[in-house]
Amino acid sequence: MAELLAGIEHLALARWLKGSFIAYPIVNALHILSIGALLTSVVLMDLRICGAFRSLPYAAFVALLRRVALSAFAGALVTGSLLFSVKASTYAAMPIFVAKMALILLAGVNFLAFMRFRRATGGDEPAGGTALAVLSMLLWISVLFAGRFIGFL
């Protein structure tokens, strides 16, 4: 595993990020932007699932925010991978980083469970989806906190 992580750190792109005065801060800023868009869309979508914003049509509102969340997640995944590549060995050894990755995995499983539950109930607004929406908000906010701790440990 150590060789794999060292290999990641020696990739041309990782070396370029380390050596560039402007590239790393730009990638870092894009990561923060992606996280902000992801969390905002997830929280708004989950609040709607929990019954907020009833004046807005459920299906259209949730569908729009789901697309935004998935696009923002893709941006966070790409930029996060680039940031990881610079110090792969260091980050992989940090328990908080491992916890962040586990939380992201749990949030993904929660999303898949919600989608499966929604299909099984056949409704636009599944009644039992509230618990999954609350869990989603807790998981994604925990991902944010874990990510912030990485920079300070």
Protein backbone atom coordinates (compact mmCIF):
# COMPACT_ATOMS: atom_id res chain seq x y z
CA MET A 1 0.00 0.00 0.00
CA ALA A 2 2.84 2.36 0.82
CA GLU A 3 4.27 1.90 -2.67
CA LEU A 4 0.90 2.66 -4.27
CA LEU A 5 0.51 5.84 -2.24
CA ALA A 6 4.08 6.92 -3.00
CA GLY A 7 3.40 6.21 -6.67
CA ILE A 8 0.35 8.48 -6.56
CA GLU A 9 2.45 11.26 -5.06
CA HIS A 10 4.97 10.88 -7.89
CA LEU A 11 2.45 11.13 -10.70
CA ALA A 12 3.16 14.01 -13.07
CA LEU A 13 -0.08 15.75 -12.13
CA ALA A 14 0.69 15.53 -8.39
CA ARG A 15 4.22 16.87 -8.96
CA TRP A 16 2.79 19.70 -11.07
CA LEU A 17 0.31 20.62 -8.33
CA LYS A 18 3.11 20.62 -5.73
CA GLY A 19 5.33 22.77 -7.90
CA SER A 20 2.79 25.27 -9.17
CA PHE A 21 2.28 28.50 -7.28
CA ILE A 22 -1.29 28.87 -8.56
CA ALA A 23 -2.61 25.38 -9.43
CA TYR A 24 -2.99 23.98 -5.91
CA PRO A 25 -4.89 27.01 -4.52
CA ILE A 26 -7.20 26.96 -7.55
CA VAL A 27 -7.93 23.24 -7.15
CA ASN A 28 -8.45 23.78 -3.42
CA ALA A 29 -10.90 26.64 -4.09
CA LEU A 30 -12.77 24.53 -6.66
CA HIS A 31 -13.00 21.74 -4.07
CA ILE A 32 -14.51 24.14 -1.53
CA LEU A 33 -16.92 25.46 -4.18
CA SER A 34 -18.00 21.91 -5.06
CA ILE A 35 -18.51 21.03 -1.40
CA GLY A 36 -20.58 24.17 -0.87
CA ALA A 37 -22.80 23.37 -3.85
CA LEU A 38 -23.11 19.74 -2.75
CA LEU A 39 -24.07 20.52 0.83
CA THR A 40 -26.45 23.31 -0.13
CA SER A 41 -28.30 21.15 -2.65
CA VAL A 42 -28.38 18.11 -0.34
CA VAL A 43 -29.70 20.09 2.64
CA LEU A 44 -32.37 21.86 0.56
CA MET A 45 -33.41 18.59 -1.07
CA ASP A 46 -33.54 16.76 2.26
CA LEU A 47 -35.49 19.58 3.90
CA ARG A 48 -38.05 19.34 1.07
CA ILE A 49 -38.28 15.59 1.62
CA CYS A 50 -38.88 16.33 5.32
CA GLY A 51 -41.79 18.62 4.41
CA ALA A 52 -40.27 22.10 4.08
CA PHE A 53 -40.98 24.31 1.06
CA ARG A 54 -44.37 22.68 0.42
CA SER A 55 -45.29 25.47 -2.00
CA LEU A 56 -42.63 24.12 -4.39
CA PRO A 57 -43.50 21.05 -6.44
CA TYR A 58 -41.78 18.06 -4.85
CA ALA A 59 -40.75 16.15 -7.97
CA ALA A 60 -39.29 19.11 -9.90
CA PHE A 61 -37.54 20.60 -6.86
CA VAL A 62 -35.94 17.33 -5.77
CA ALA A 63 -34.99 16.36 -9.34
CA LEU A 64 -33.24 19.70 -9.91
CA LEU A 65 -31.36 19.55 -6.62
CA ARG A 66 -30.41 15.91 -7.19
CA ARG A 67 -28.77 16.88 -10.50
CA VAL A 68 -26.94 19.77 -8.81
CA ALA A 69 -25.82 17.49 -5.96
CA LEU A 70 -24.53 14.80 -8.32
CA SER A 71 -22.65 17.36 -10.43
CA ALA A 72 -21.17 18.98 -7.33
CA PHE A 73 -20.20 15.55 -5.98
CA ALA A 74 -18.38 14.82 -9.24
CA GLY A 75 -16.53 18.13 -8.93
CA ALA A 76 -15.62 17.40 -5.30
CA LEU A 77 -14.48 13.89 -6.24
CA VAL A 78 -12.17 15.14 -9.00
CA THR A 79 -10.72 18.05 -7.03
CA GLY A 80 -10.47 16.00 -3.83
CA SER A 81 -8.56 13.29 -5.69
CA LEU A 82 -6.16 15.90 -7.01
CA LEU A 83 -5.62 17.32 -3.53
CA PHE A 84 -5.15 13.80 -2.14
CA SER A 85 -2.49 13.04 -4.75
CA VAL A 86 -0.16 15.69 -3.33
CA LYS A 87 0.10 14.00 0.11
CA ALA A 88 -1.47 10.59 -0.44
CA SER A 89 0.70 8.80 2.15
CA THR A 90 0.05 11.42 4.81
CA TYR A 91 -3.70 11.60 4.26
CA ALA A 92 -4.19 7.82 4.03
CA ALA A 93 -2.51 7.43 7.43
CA MET A 94 -4.87 9.91 9.11
CA PRO A 95 -7.81 8.31 10.96
CA ILE A 96 -9.94 11.40 10.27
CA PHE A 97 -9.36 11.00 6.52
CA VAL A 98 -10.40 7.35 6.72
CA ALA A 99 -13.47 8.44 8.74
CA LYS A 100 -14.32 11.02 6.06
CA MET A 101 -14.15 8.40 3.33
CA ALA A 102 -16.33 6.05 5.41
CA LEU A 103 -18.89 8.83 5.95
CA ILE A 104 -18.99 9.52 2.20
CA LEU A 105 -19.53 5.82 1.57
CA LEU A 106 -22.36 5.74 4.14
CA ALA A 107 -23.94 8.83 2.57
CA GLY A 108 -23.83 7.07 -0.81
CA VAL A 109 -25.43 3.94 0.63
CA ASN A 110 -28.10 6.13 2.24
CA PHE A 111 -28.80 7.77 -1.13
CA LEU A 112 -29.13 4.38 -2.82
CA ALA A 113 -31.44 3.20 -0.02
CA PHE A 114 -33.61 6.27 -0.50
CA MET A 115 -33.80 5.73 -4.27
CA ARG A 116 -34.71 2.06 -3.75
CA PHE A 117 -37.31 2.96 -1.11
CA ARG A 118 -38.79 5.59 -3.42
CA ARG A 119 -39.07 3.12 -6.29
CA ALA A 120 -40.60 0.48 -4.02
CA THR A 121 -43.28 2.84 -2.70
CA GLY A 122 -43.98 4.25 -6.15
CA GLY A 123 -44.72 7.70 -4.77
CA ASP A 124 -43.21 11.10 -5.43
CA GLU A 125 -42.98 11.81 -1.72
CA PRO A 126 -42.28 8.64 0.24
CA ALA A 127 -43.52 9.00 3.83
CA GLY A 128 -40.66 6.96 5.32
CA GLY A 129 -38.10 8.96 3.41
CA THR A 130 -37.93 11.53 6.21
CA ALA A 131 -35.61 9.38 8.34
CA LEU A 132 -33.30 8.81 5.36
CA ALA A 133 -33.31 12.54 4.58
CA VAL A 134 -32.37 13.44 8.17
CA LEU A 135 -29.63 10.81 8.09
CA SER A 136 -28.40 12.25 4.79
CA MET A 137 -28.06 15.73 6.28
CA LEU A 138 -26.23 14.38 9.32
CA LEU A 139 -23.85 12.33 7.20
CA TRP A 140 -22.97 15.12 4.75
CA ILE A 141 -22.47 17.68 7.51
CA SER A 142 -20.22 15.14 9.26
CA VAL A 143 -18.24 14.77 6.02
CA LEU A 144 -17.74 18.54 6.01
CA PHE A 145 -16.48 18.57 9.61
CA ALA A 146 -14.17 15.60 9.03
CA GLY A 147 -12.73 17.33 5.98
CA ARG A 148 -12.04 20.51 7.93
CA PHE A 149 -10.25 18.54 10.65
CA ILE A 150 -7.90 17.06 8.03
CA GLY A 151 -6.41 20.49 7.40
CA PHE A 152 -5.72 21.09 11.07
CA LEU A 153 -4.24 17.79 12.22
